[in-house]
Protein backbone atom coordinates (compact mmCIF):
# COMPACT_ATOMS: atom_id res chain seq x y z
CA MET A 1 27.66 89.67 -115.05
CA ASP A 2 24.16 90.79 -116.04
CA SER A 3 23.29 93.10 -113.15
CA VAL A 4 19.54 92.85 -113.68
CA VAL A 5 19.73 89.06 -113.46
CA PHE A 6 21.94 89.40 -110.39
CA TYR A 7 19.37 91.78 -108.88
CA LYS A 8 16.49 89.37 -109.55
CA ASP A 9 18.44 86.45 -108.08
CA TRP A 10 19.31 88.49 -104.99
CA LEU A 11 15.72 89.65 -104.57
CA ALA A 12 14.33 86.10 -104.80
CA LYS A 13 16.91 84.81 -102.35
CA GLU A 14 16.48 87.66 -99.85
CA TYR A 15 12.70 87.95 -99.90
CA ALA A 16 11.51 84.64 -101.36
CA GLY A 17 9.63 86.50 -104.07
CA SER A 18 7.59 88.60 -101.67
CA ALA A 19 9.47 91.87 -102.05
CA LEU A 20 9.16 94.61 -104.62
CA GLY A 21 9.58 93.26 -108.12
CA LEU A 22 11.79 94.60 -110.87
CA GLU A 23 8.92 96.46 -112.55
CA SER A 24 7.02 97.17 -109.32
CA ALA A 25 4.85 100.28 -109.37
CA GLY A 26 5.56 100.42 -105.64
CA TYR A 27 9.25 101.10 -106.17
CA ALA A 28 8.66 104.87 -106.35
CA GLU A 29 6.79 104.66 -103.05
CA PHE A 30 9.62 102.60 -101.57
CA LYS A 31 12.12 105.23 -102.66
CA LYS A 32 9.97 108.02 -101.27
CA LYS A 33 9.73 106.34 -97.88
CA ASN A 34 13.50 106.05 -97.73
CA ASP A 35 14.16 109.72 -98.46
CA LEU A 36 16.03 111.20 -95.53
CA SER A 37 14.15 113.35 -93.08
CA PHE A 38 15.56 116.79 -92.29
CA TRP A 39 16.52 115.78 -88.76
CA TRP A 40 18.30 112.61 -89.75
CA ARG A 41 20.25 114.53 -92.41
CA PHE A 42 21.08 117.11 -89.75
CA ILE A 43 22.41 114.38 -87.47
CA ALA A 44 24.21 112.44 -90.19
CA ASP A 45 26.10 115.51 -91.34
CA ARG A 46 27.47 116.36 -87.91
CA LEU A 47 28.22 113.17 -85.98
CA THR A 48 31.03 110.67 -86.22
CA TYR A 49 30.34 107.30 -87.83
CA GLN A 50 29.93 105.52 -84.48
CA GLN A 51 27.75 108.32 -83.11
CA LYS A 52 25.50 108.05 -86.16
CA GLN A 53 24.94 104.37 -85.48
CA THR A 54 24.16 104.97 -81.81
CA ALA A 55 21.91 107.97 -82.50
CA LYS A 56 19.86 106.22 -85.14
CA SER A 57 19.57 103.14 -82.95
CA VAL A 58 18.13 105.26 -80.12
CA LEU A 59 15.82 107.20 -82.43
CA HIS A 60 14.31 103.99 -83.77
CA CYS A 61 14.35 102.11 -80.44
CA LYS A 62 16.59 99.45 -81.92
CA THR A 63 19.68 97.74 -80.57
CA LEU A 64 23.08 97.56 -82.23
CA LEU A 65 22.55 93.84 -82.81
CA LYS A 66 21.57 95.04 -86.27
CA TYR A 67 23.57 97.46 -88.37
CA PRO A 68 21.62 100.75 -88.72
CA VAL A 69 21.93 102.06 -92.26
CA ALA A 70 23.22 105.65 -92.17
CA GLY A 71 21.87 108.44 -94.35
CA GLY A 72 24.72 108.57 -96.85
CA GLU A 73 24.73 104.80 -97.19
CA LYS A 74 21.00 104.78 -97.99
CA ARG A 75 21.42 107.53 -100.57
CA PHE A 76 24.31 105.77 -102.33
CA ALA A 77 22.52 102.42 -102.28
CA ILE A 78 19.30 103.80 -103.80
CA ASP A 79 21.35 105.47 -106.55
CA TYR A 80 22.91 102.11 -107.46
CA VAL A 81 19.61 100.24 -107.48
CA ASP A 82 17.97 103.03 -109.50
CA TYR A 83 20.80 102.87 -112.02
CA ILE A 84 20.43 99.10 -112.41
CA LEU A 85 16.66 99.26 -112.78
CA GLN A 86 16.77 102.06 -115.33
CA ARG A 87 19.89 101.21 -117.34
CA ARG A 88 20.03 97.41 -116.99
CA PRO A 89 23.85 97.39 -117.16
CA SER A 90 26.14 94.40 -117.57
CA LEU A 91 29.72 93.95 -116.42
CA HIS A 92 32.37 92.25 -118.53
CA MET A 93 33.63 89.97 -115.78
CA ASN A 94 36.53 88.80 -117.95
CA TYR A 95 38.09 92.22 -117.32
CA PHE A 96 38.64 91.31 -113.66
CA ASP A 97 40.50 88.65 -111.65
CA GLU A 98 38.78 86.09 -109.41
CA ASP A 99 39.22 88.14 -106.24
CA SER A 100 37.52 91.04 -108.00
CA HIS A 101 34.59 88.78 -108.95
CA LYS A 102 33.97 88.06 -105.27
CA GLU A 103 34.33 91.73 -104.37
CA ILE A 104 31.89 92.83 -107.09
CA GLU A 105 29.27 90.38 -105.82
CA ARG A 106 29.78 91.56 -102.22
CA PHE A 107 29.57 95.20 -103.26
CA LEU A 108 26.37 94.84 -105.28
CA THR A 109 24.73 92.64 -102.64
CA ALA A 110 25.49 95.28 -100.00
CA HIS A 111 23.85 97.97 -102.13
CA PHE A 112 20.67 95.94 -102.59
CA GLN A 113 20.49 95.27 -98.85
CA PHE A 114 21.10 98.89 -97.92
CA ALA A 115 18.54 100.19 -100.43
CA TYR A 116 15.76 97.91 -99.18
CA GLN A 117 16.45 97.72 -95.45
CA ASP A 118 17.12 100.17 -92.63
CA TYR A 119 18.53 97.57 -90.21
CA ILE A 120 20.65 94.64 -91.34
CA PRO A 121 22.18 91.85 -89.22
CA TRP A 122 25.88 92.52 -88.74
CA LYS A 123 26.74 89.10 -90.19
CA ASN A 124 25.08 90.15 -93.46
CA VAL A 125 26.91 93.46 -93.62
CA PHE A 126 30.28 91.89 -92.76
CA PRO A 127 29.92 88.21 -93.73
CA GLY A 128 32.38 85.44 -92.90
CA ASP A 129 35.73 86.68 -91.62
CA ALA A 130 34.93 90.25 -92.76
CA TYR A 131 33.59 91.06 -89.28
CA ALA A 132 36.84 89.99 -87.63
CA LEU A 133 38.72 92.11 -90.18
CA PHE A 134 36.41 95.02 -89.40
CA ARG A 135 37.12 94.75 -85.67
CA ARG A 136 40.89 94.53 -86.20
CA ALA A 137 40.84 97.49 -88.58
CA GLN A 138 38.69 99.49 -86.16
CA LYS A 139 41.22 98.94 -83.37
CA ALA A 140 44.19 99.65 -85.63
CA HIS A 141 42.53 102.84 -86.87
CA ARG A 142 42.00 104.13 -83.32
CA ASP A 143 45.46 103.06 -82.15
CA ASN A 144 47.18 104.88 -85.02
CA ILE A 145 45.65 108.29 -84.25
CA ARG A 146 47.91 110.16 -81.85
CA LYS A 147 47.54 113.72 -80.58
CA LYS A 148 50.35 115.76 -79.09
CA GLU A 149 50.60 119.50 -78.52
CA GLY A 150 47.56 120.22 -80.68
CA MET A 151 48.81 118.17 -83.63
CA TYR A 152 47.59 114.82 -84.91
CA ASP A 153 49.76 112.03 -86.24
CA TYR A 154 48.24 109.21 -88.26
CA ARG A 155 50.63 106.60 -89.65
CA GLY A 156 53.34 109.24 -89.93
CA PHE A 157 51.16 111.92 -91.52
CA ARG A 158 50.98 115.07 -89.38
CA THR A 159 48.13 117.57 -89.45
CA GLY A 160 46.36 120.01 -87.19
CA VAL A 161 42.97 118.83 -88.46
CA PRO A 162 41.68 115.28 -87.77
CA GLY A 163 39.59 113.33 -90.26
CA PHE A 164 41.63 110.40 -91.49
CA GLU A 165 40.51 108.08 -94.29
CA TYR A 166 41.59 104.52 -93.49
CA GLY A 167 42.07 103.45 -97.12
CA VAL A 168 44.35 106.37 -97.96
CA LEU A 169 47.12 105.86 -95.41
CA ALA A 170 46.59 102.22 -94.38
CA ASN A 171 46.40 100.93 -97.97
CA ASN A 172 48.18 103.79 -99.78
CA CYS A 173 45.21 104.46 -102.07
CA GLY A 174 45.27 100.79 -103.12
CA MET A 175 48.76 101.00 -104.60
CA ASP A 176 50.13 98.26 -102.37
CA LEU A 177 47.76 95.83 -104.10
CA ILE A 178 49.26 96.08 -107.58
CA PRO A 179 52.21 93.95 -108.79
CA ALA A 180 55.66 95.17 -107.78
CA GLU A 181 56.77 95.61 -111.39
CA ALA A 182 53.88 98.00 -112.02
CA ARG A 183 54.90 100.07 -109.00
CA GLU A 184 58.51 100.01 -110.13
CA GLY A 185 57.52 101.30 -113.57
CA ILE A 186 56.05 104.56 -112.25
CA LYS A 187 59.14 105.75 -110.38
CA GLY A 188 60.36 109.13 -111.55
CA SER A 189 57.14 110.00 -113.39
CA LEU A 190 54.54 112.71 -112.80
CA PHE A 191 51.67 111.77 -110.46
CA ILE A 192 48.28 113.50 -110.50
CA ASP A 193 46.30 113.44 -107.26
CA CYS A 194 42.71 114.41 -108.12
CA GLY A 195 40.92 115.33 -104.91
CA ALA A 196 44.07 115.96 -102.86
CA PHE A 197 41.94 117.06 -99.86
CA ILE A 198 44.32 117.87 -96.97
CA GLY A 199 47.40 116.14 -98.41
CA ASP A 200 47.08 112.67 -96.87
CA SER A 201 47.01 111.01 -100.30
CA CYS A 202 50.00 113.06 -101.48
CA TYR A 203 51.84 111.81 -98.40
CA ALA A 204 50.84 108.19 -99.09
CA LEU A 205 51.97 108.37 -102.72
CA GLN A 206 55.43 109.70 -101.81
CA LYS A 207 56.66 106.16 -101.16
CA TYR A 208 56.36 105.34 -104.88
CA SER A 209 59.07 107.88 -105.81
CA PRO A 210 57.31 110.39 -108.08
CA ALA A 211 59.30 113.09 -109.84
CA ALA A 212 56.51 115.45 -108.77
CA ILE A 213 52.86 115.37 -107.73
CA LEU A 214 50.16 117.69 -109.02
CA ALA A 215 47.74 118.05 -106.09
CA VAL A 216 44.41 119.10 -107.64
CA GLU A 217 41.81 120.35 -105.16
CA PRO A 218 38.92 122.82 -105.73
CA GLU A 219 37.76 123.57 -102.16
CA GLU A 220 39.35 126.66 -100.58
CA LYS A 221 39.38 125.44 -96.96
CA ASN A 222 40.96 122.16 -98.05
CA ILE A 223 43.55 124.11 -100.06
CA GLY A 224 44.61 126.08 -96.98
CA ILE A 225 45.05 122.94 -94.87
CA LEU A 226 46.71 121.11 -97.80
CA GLU A 227 49.37 123.82 -98.14
CA GLU A 228 49.99 123.81 -94.38
CA ASN A 229 50.36 120.02 -94.35
CA ILE A 230 52.76 120.04 -97.29
CA LYS A 231 55.11 122.19 -95.19
CA LEU A 232 54.40 120.29 -91.98
CA ASN A 233 55.27 116.94 -93.60
CA ASP A 234 58.21 118.33 -95.62
CA MET A 235 56.77 117.33 -98.99
CA ARG A 236 58.88 119.31 -101.45
CA ASN A 237 57.76 117.96 -104.80
CA ILE A 238 54.07 118.99 -104.64
CA THR A 239 52.42 121.57 -106.88
CA VAL A 240 48.97 122.63 -105.66
CA ILE A 241 46.38 123.33 -108.35
CA ASN A 242 43.22 125.05 -107.12
CA ALA A 243 40.70 123.52 -109.55
CA GLY A 244 38.26 120.70 -110.14
CA VAL A 245 38.91 117.94 -112.66
CA SER A 246 36.56 117.32 -115.59
CA ASP A 247 36.46 116.31 -119.26
CA LYS A 248 37.54 119.79 -120.39
CA SER A 249 38.83 123.00 -118.93
CA GLY A 250 36.23 125.57 -117.93
CA GLU A 251 34.18 126.46 -114.86
CA ALA A 252 31.63 124.82 -112.58
CA PHE A 253 29.97 125.42 -109.21
CA LEU A 254 31.31 123.84 -106.04
CA ARG A 255 28.62 122.75 -103.60
CA GLY A 256 29.31 121.99 -99.95
CA GLU A 257 32.67 122.19 -98.25
CA GLY A 258 35.37 120.04 -96.70
CA ILE A 259 35.65 116.39 -97.59
CA GLY A 260 32.17 116.20 -99.15
CA ALA A 261 32.41 119.20 -101.53
CA PHE A 262 31.35 118.29 -105.07
CA LEU A 263 31.12 119.87 -108.52
CA SER A 264 27.80 120.87 -110.06
CA GLU A 265 26.78 122.47 -113.35
CA SER A 266 24.31 124.69 -111.48
CA GLY A 267 24.73 126.51 -108.20
CA ASP A 268 22.60 127.57 -105.25
CA LYS A 269 23.03 130.68 -103.15
CA GLY A 270 26.46 130.59 -101.55
CA ASP A 271 27.97 128.10 -104.02
CA LYS A 272 31.22 129.29 -105.56
CA LYS A 273 32.45 129.03 -109.11
CA VAL A 274 35.67 127.08 -109.50
CA ARG A 275 38.08 126.50 -112.34
CA LEU A 276 38.02 123.14 -114.13
CA VAL A 277 40.99 121.42 -115.74
CA SER A 278 41.32 118.20 -117.71
CA ILE A 279 44.14 115.72 -117.16
CA ASP A 280 45.05 115.89 -120.84
CA ASP A 281 45.47 119.66 -120.50
CA LEU A 282 47.55 119.24 -117.33
CA LYS A 283 49.98 117.08 -119.28
CA GLU A 284 50.32 119.77 -121.94
CA GLN A 285 50.87 122.42 -119.27
CA ASN A 286 53.67 120.31 -117.76
CA ASN A 287 55.75 119.93 -120.92
CA ARG A 288 54.13 116.61 -121.80
CA LYS A 289 55.97 114.82 -119.00
CA ARG A 290 55.03 111.15 -118.68
CA ILE A 291 52.19 110.66 -116.22
CA GLY A 292 52.77 107.46 -114.29
CA LEU A 293 49.91 107.50 -111.79
CA ILE A 294 46.47 109.07 -111.46
CA LYS A 295 44.60 108.85 -108.16
CA MET A 296 41.00 110.04 -108.29
CA ASP A 297 38.44 110.45 -105.49
CA ILE A 298 36.36 113.49 -106.47
CA GLU A 299 32.85 112.96 -105.13
CA GLY A 300 31.06 111.77 -108.27
CA ALA A 301 33.01 113.70 -110.93
CA GLU A 302 35.16 110.67 -111.77
CA PHE A 303 33.52 109.69 -115.06
CA ASP A 304 33.96 113.13 -116.64
CA ALA A 305 37.51 113.33 -115.29
CA VAL A 306 38.38 109.97 -116.88
CA LYS A 307 36.97 111.20 -120.19
CA GLY A 308 39.28 114.21 -119.91
CA ALA A 309 42.29 111.88 -119.64
CA ALA A 310 41.72 109.91 -122.86
CA ARG A 311 44.98 110.96 -124.50
CA VAL A 312 47.01 110.27 -121.35
CA LEU A 313 45.40 106.84 -120.92
CA SER A 314 46.24 105.98 -124.51
CA GLU A 315 49.80 107.36 -124.62
CA ASP A 316 51.15 106.90 -121.07
CA LYS A 317 48.98 104.09 -119.64
CA PRO A 318 49.40 105.41 -116.08
CA VAL A 319 48.53 103.29 -113.07
CA LEU A 320 45.04 104.27 -111.94
CA SER A 321 43.35 104.37 -108.54
CA ILE A 322 39.80 105.56 -109.18
CA ALA A 323 36.89 105.71 -106.72
CA LEU A 324 33.85 103.87 -108.11
CA TYR A 325 31.52 104.10 -105.14
CA HIS A 326 29.90 107.49 -105.69
CA SER A 327 27.41 106.38 -108.35
CA GLY A 328 26.14 103.44 -110.33
CA ARG A 329 27.34 105.10 -113.53
CA ASP A 330 30.92 105.25 -112.26
CA PHE A 331 30.92 101.60 -111.22
CA PHE A 332 29.55 100.23 -114.48
CA GLU A 333 30.80 102.70 -117.08
CA ILE A 334 34.30 103.78 -116.07
CA PRO A 335 35.95 100.34 -116.59
CA GLU A 336 34.24 100.03 -119.99
CA TYR A 337 35.42 103.47 -121.07
CA ILE A 338 39.03 102.85 -120.02
CA LYS A 339 39.12 99.51 -121.87
CA LYS A 340 37.91 101.19 -125.05
CA ILE A 341 40.67 103.79 -124.79
CA ASN A 342 43.43 101.32 -123.90
CA PRO A 343 42.60 97.57 -124.08
CA ASP A 344 45.96 96.68 -122.48
CA TYR A 345 44.84 97.69 -118.99
CA LYS A 346 44.46 95.03 -116.32
CA PHE A 347 41.79 95.68 -113.68
CA GLN A 348 41.14 94.95 -110.04
CA ILE A 349 38.14 96.01 -107.95
CA VAL A 350 39.27 96.53 -104.36
CA HIS A 351 37.62 97.66 -101.14
CA THR A 352 40.26 99.79 -99.44
CA ASN A 353 38.41 100.41 -96.17
CA PRO A 354 37.15 97.44 -94.09
CA LEU A 355 35.41 99.91 -91.74
CA THR A 356 32.72 100.76 -94.30
CA PRO A 357 30.57 98.35 -96.32
CA LEU A 358 29.72 100.68 -99.24
CA PHE A 359 32.32 103.41 -99.42
CA GLU A 360 35.88 103.44 -100.78
CA GLU A 361 35.50 100.87 -103.55
CA TYR A 362 38.24 101.50 -106.11
CA LEU A 363 39.21 100.46 -109.59
CA ILE A 364 42.92 99.73 -109.66
CA ALA A 365 44.27 99.58 -113.22
CA TYR A 366 47.80 98.98 -114.50
């Protein structure tokens, strides 16, 4: 798929040729107008997803008949469109199955809509039976969160801190979507959970019978909760590694905290330096044990982390569950890089969370 051609086709269809063109001098102005105001960023950072929708609807005197694009969604969408306009990438569609073709088109279409519009009809955001799936998932998500004596239980995972990602525990990081023989082949191997957060993904991956899991997490507050949840959920085969994942071992700055903390080469006041490790180095440090699975959701550091796993990808061919939704570069370049390292990989693009139109898009490889 030539993404620039896809973009032009979408633009002509959506705006009948009247919108900003591919080379439009007005694109910079468009981008400027869609930069987030301080107050909307303030709101978006502190409210729940549903509260964000309601708040923005009130602020703009709109109704919820149209989907109000939230701040993070706008930022991600503009990044994708910028990447396409500047890099003019293509996708080798023969890498993916037919279901992935449909998902790729949905995903890119959603980004174009969210970059250019602040309010989108619900039927465009969740077309066809996707809206019914959204409603069912929304109800199931609420119904599965239980609180008792100050503790939360979500699909069997217990924690004192709420904040459950639907795709992690409902879809087991996408692992339920791969063929049974691929799941069978990773039993008894070493798993690496990059971006272990509070341990929900470690819990989800237990069902695939790892010999051990390396839970890699750089953020100190997350580490504290992660260690508590390992004990609370009686997970005995987890080794916590307080570090970020990159293409080589070293150091970087960690910006932000909690679920949205991300690595940066430069730091602002208050940002902390954290240790970096590569997956290839982790294998060496663990007596070159076979790595059977790598899960990766690390807030935009995925491409460098994949580069740091080149030897493992070539030698072990682990099953991969890699977030592609943080940047245009990840979406277009990570599959290409993996194929160059190991052409035997089969790919799927899956959307693990029906509650969100843009987030939690994963590459599943086996």
